[in-house]
Amino acid sequence: MITIHKSAHYAAFMHNKAGLIVQSTRKNGGVQLPLSHPQYGDYVEAIKTAIDSSEADALCRALLN
């Protein structure tokens, strides 16, 4: 598992088989975006290339809601 974003609020990981995993660091639970999802690559690229951590947090928050 590769960490692509970690902040005080969110953590995002890429997993070889599970896909993109996004979790809140303050609440239990999270979301998994499978490799087969049509927007998987877009979300991974957007989180990895975010301008700053607040932009990456906003993307993580969007996935969790």
Protein backbone atom coordinates (compact mmCIF):
# COMPACT_ATOMS: atom_id res chain seq x y z
CA MET A 1 0.00 0.00 0.00
CA ILE A 2 1.32 3.41 -1.02
CA THR A 3 0.37 6.59 0.84
CA ILE A 4 -0.43 9.34 -1.66
CA HIS A 5 -1.79 11.91 0.83
CA LYS A 6 -1.79 12.29 4.60
CA SER A 7 -2.87 15.30 6.63
CA ALA A 8 -4.45 16.04 9.98
CA HIS A 9 -7.87 15.37 8.45
CA TYR A 10 -7.54 12.72 5.70
CA ALA A 11 -5.38 9.90 4.43
CA ALA A 12 -5.40 8.43 0.91
CA PHE A 13 -3.72 5.18 -0.08
CA MET A 14 -3.25 3.24 -3.31
CA HIS A 15 -3.50 -0.53 -2.96
CA ASN A 16 -2.50 -3.00 -5.69
CA LYS A 17 -5.77 -4.93 -5.52
CA ALA A 18 -8.24 -2.81 -3.51
CA GLY A 19 -7.74 0.44 -5.44
CA LEU A 20 -7.93 3.88 -3.84
CA ILE A 21 -8.70 3.96 -0.12
CA VAL A 22 -9.62 7.27 1.52
CA GLN A 23 -10.11 7.62 5.27
CA SER A 24 -10.87 10.39 7.69
CA THR A 25 -8.26 10.58 10.43
CA ARG A 26 -10.86 11.94 12.86
CA LYS A 27 -13.76 9.53 12.26
CA ASN A 28 -14.07 5.79 11.78
CA GLY A 29 -14.66 4.45 8.31
CA GLY A 30 -13.65 5.40 4.85
CA VAL A 31 -14.31 4.68 1.20
CA GLN A 32 -12.76 2.39 -1.38
CA LEU A 33 -12.68 3.23 -5.07
CA PRO A 34 -11.93 -0.02 -6.96
CA LEU A 35 -9.44 -0.19 -9.81
CA SER A 36 -12.32 -0.89 -12.20
CA HIS A 37 -14.10 2.38 -11.38
CA PRO A 38 -14.10 4.76 -14.38
CA GLN A 39 -12.82 7.70 -12.31
CA TYR A 40 -10.15 5.76 -10.39
CA GLY A 41 -7.22 7.12 -12.41
CA ASP A 42 -8.57 10.66 -12.35
CA TYR A 43 -8.93 10.72 -8.57
CA VAL A 44 -5.49 9.17 -7.97
CA GLU A 45 -3.83 11.64 -10.32
CA ALA A 46 -5.70 14.60 -8.84
CA ILE A 47 -4.77 13.71 -5.26
CA LYS A 48 -1.13 13.01 -6.18
CA THR A 49 -0.73 16.28 -8.10
CA ALA A 50 -2.77 18.55 -5.81
CA ILE A 51 -1.33 22.04 -5.42
CA ASP A 52 -1.36 21.83 -1.64
CA SER A 53 -2.78 19.69 1.15
CA SER A 54 -6.02 21.68 1.36
CA GLU A 55 -6.81 20.81 -2.27
CA ALA A 56 -6.02 17.13 -1.62
CA ASP A 57 -8.20 17.30 1.52
CA ALA A 58 -11.07 18.71 -0.56
CA LEU A 59 -10.80 15.80 -3.00
CA CYS A 60 -10.76 13.31 -0.13
CA ARG A 61 -13.76 15.03 1.46
CA ALA A 62 -15.64 14.82 -1.86
CA LEU A 63 -15.06 11.08 -2.02
CA LEU A 64 -16.19 10.55 1.54
CA ASN A 65 -19.46 12.46 1.06
